[in-house]
Amino acid sequence: MDFKVQGLECGHCVAAIEKAVAKFDPTAVVEVEIESGTVRVSGLITETQARQAIQDAGYQAELIGAAVKAERCCGCCA
C-alpha cells in the first residue's frame, strides 16, 4: 500500500518510519521516496496499522488511490 506523507526530508525520517512500522510487523518492507513524499509498505501489516505507524513516527499519511477507488468501485471486490 502506498501513502503520501508530508515532511519527509532525510534519512532520519526514513529510519523513524521503518522503526515505527517494524513495531507492527517486523517483516514488513518499507520503501520511502523522500523526493516524492511517498511511502510504500508491504507485508502482513494492515492499512490501519501502517497509517498508525507513520503517524506514531510523527507524520501524517494519506493512502494514495483511496479516493479514486471510492469513486470507481463500491468496494465489493476489495
Protein backbone atom coordinates (compact mmCIF):
# COMPACT_ATOMS: atom_id res chain seq x y z
CA MET A 1 0.00 0.00 0.00
CA ASP A 2 1.22 3.48 -0.84
CA PHE A 3 0.91 6.59 1.30
CA LYS A 4 1.51 10.28 0.63
CA VAL A 5 3.48 11.58 3.61
CA GLN A 6 4.26 15.22 4.38
CA GLY A 7 7.58 16.35 5.86
CA LEU A 8 9.99 13.68 4.64
CA GLU A 9 13.38 15.35 4.46
CA CYS A 10 16.25 12.99 5.28
CA GLY A 11 17.48 9.55 6.24
CA HIS A 12 16.35 10.12 9.82
CA CYS A 13 12.78 10.44 8.57
CA VAL A 14 13.14 7.14 6.71
CA ALA A 15 14.61 5.38 9.77
CA ALA A 16 11.83 6.70 12.03
CA ILE A 17 9.12 5.34 9.73
CA GLU A 18 10.89 1.99 9.28
CA LYS A 19 11.26 1.60 13.05
CA ALA A 20 7.61 2.51 13.69
CA VAL A 21 6.35 0.06 11.04
CA ALA A 22 8.56 -2.70 12.45
CA LYS A 23 6.70 -2.44 15.77
CA PHE A 24 3.55 -3.65 13.99
CA ASP A 25 5.23 -6.06 11.54
CA PRO A 26 8.96 -6.77 11.91
CA THR A 27 8.99 -8.43 8.48
CA ALA A 28 7.30 -5.55 6.62
CA VAL A 29 9.13 -3.98 3.70
CA VAL A 30 9.18 -0.18 3.77
CA GLU A 31 10.20 1.86 0.73
CA VAL A 32 10.44 5.63 1.21
CA GLU A 33 10.90 8.13 -1.61
CA ILE A 34 11.86 11.41 0.02
CA GLU A 35 11.63 13.43 -3.20
CA SER A 36 8.04 12.44 -3.95
CA GLY A 37 6.94 12.12 -0.32
CA THR A 38 5.68 8.59 -0.75
CA VAL A 39 5.96 5.56 1.49
CA ARG A 40 5.20 2.03 0.30
CA VAL A 41 4.56 -0.59 2.97
CA SER A 42 4.12 -4.28 2.22
CA GLY A 43 3.85 -7.31 4.44
CA LEU A 44 1.35 -8.64 6.94
CA ILE A 45 0.65 -5.17 8.30
CA THR A 46 -2.82 -3.73 7.68
CA GLU A 47 -3.55 -0.34 6.17
CA THR A 48 -4.74 0.93 9.55
CA GLN A 49 -1.58 -0.30 11.28
CA ALA A 50 0.68 1.19 8.60
CA ARG A 51 -1.05 4.56 8.84
CA GLN A 52 -0.81 4.45 12.64
CA ALA A 53 2.89 3.57 12.46
CA ILE A 54 3.60 6.53 10.17
CA GLN A 55 1.62 8.79 12.50
CA ASP A 56 3.49 7.37 15.51
CA ALA A 57 6.71 8.41 13.76
CA GLY A 58 5.36 11.97 13.63
CA TYR A 59 3.99 12.23 10.10
CA GLN A 60 0.55 12.46 8.52
CA ALA A 61 -0.23 9.73 6.00
CA GLU A 62 -2.87 9.61 3.30
CA LEU A 63 -3.47 6.41 1.37
CA ILE A 64 -2.77 7.02 -2.30
CA GLY A 65 -5.60 5.97 -4.56
CA ALA A 66 -8.24 5.65 -1.83
CA ALA A 67 -10.39 8.45 -3.23
CA VAL A 68 -10.11 7.12 -6.78
CA LYS A 69 -11.15 3.63 -5.71
CA ALA A 70 -14.14 5.01 -3.83
CA GLU A 71 -15.29 6.89 -6.92
CA ARG A 72 -14.98 3.90 -9.22
CA CYS A 73 -15.94 0.97 -7.09
CA CYS A 74 -18.47 0.12 -4.44
CA GLY A 75 -15.81 -1.91 -2.64
CA CYS A 76 -17.31 -5.30 -3.44
CA CYS A 77 -14.05 -6.54 -4.97
CA ALA A 78 -11.70 -5.38 -2.22
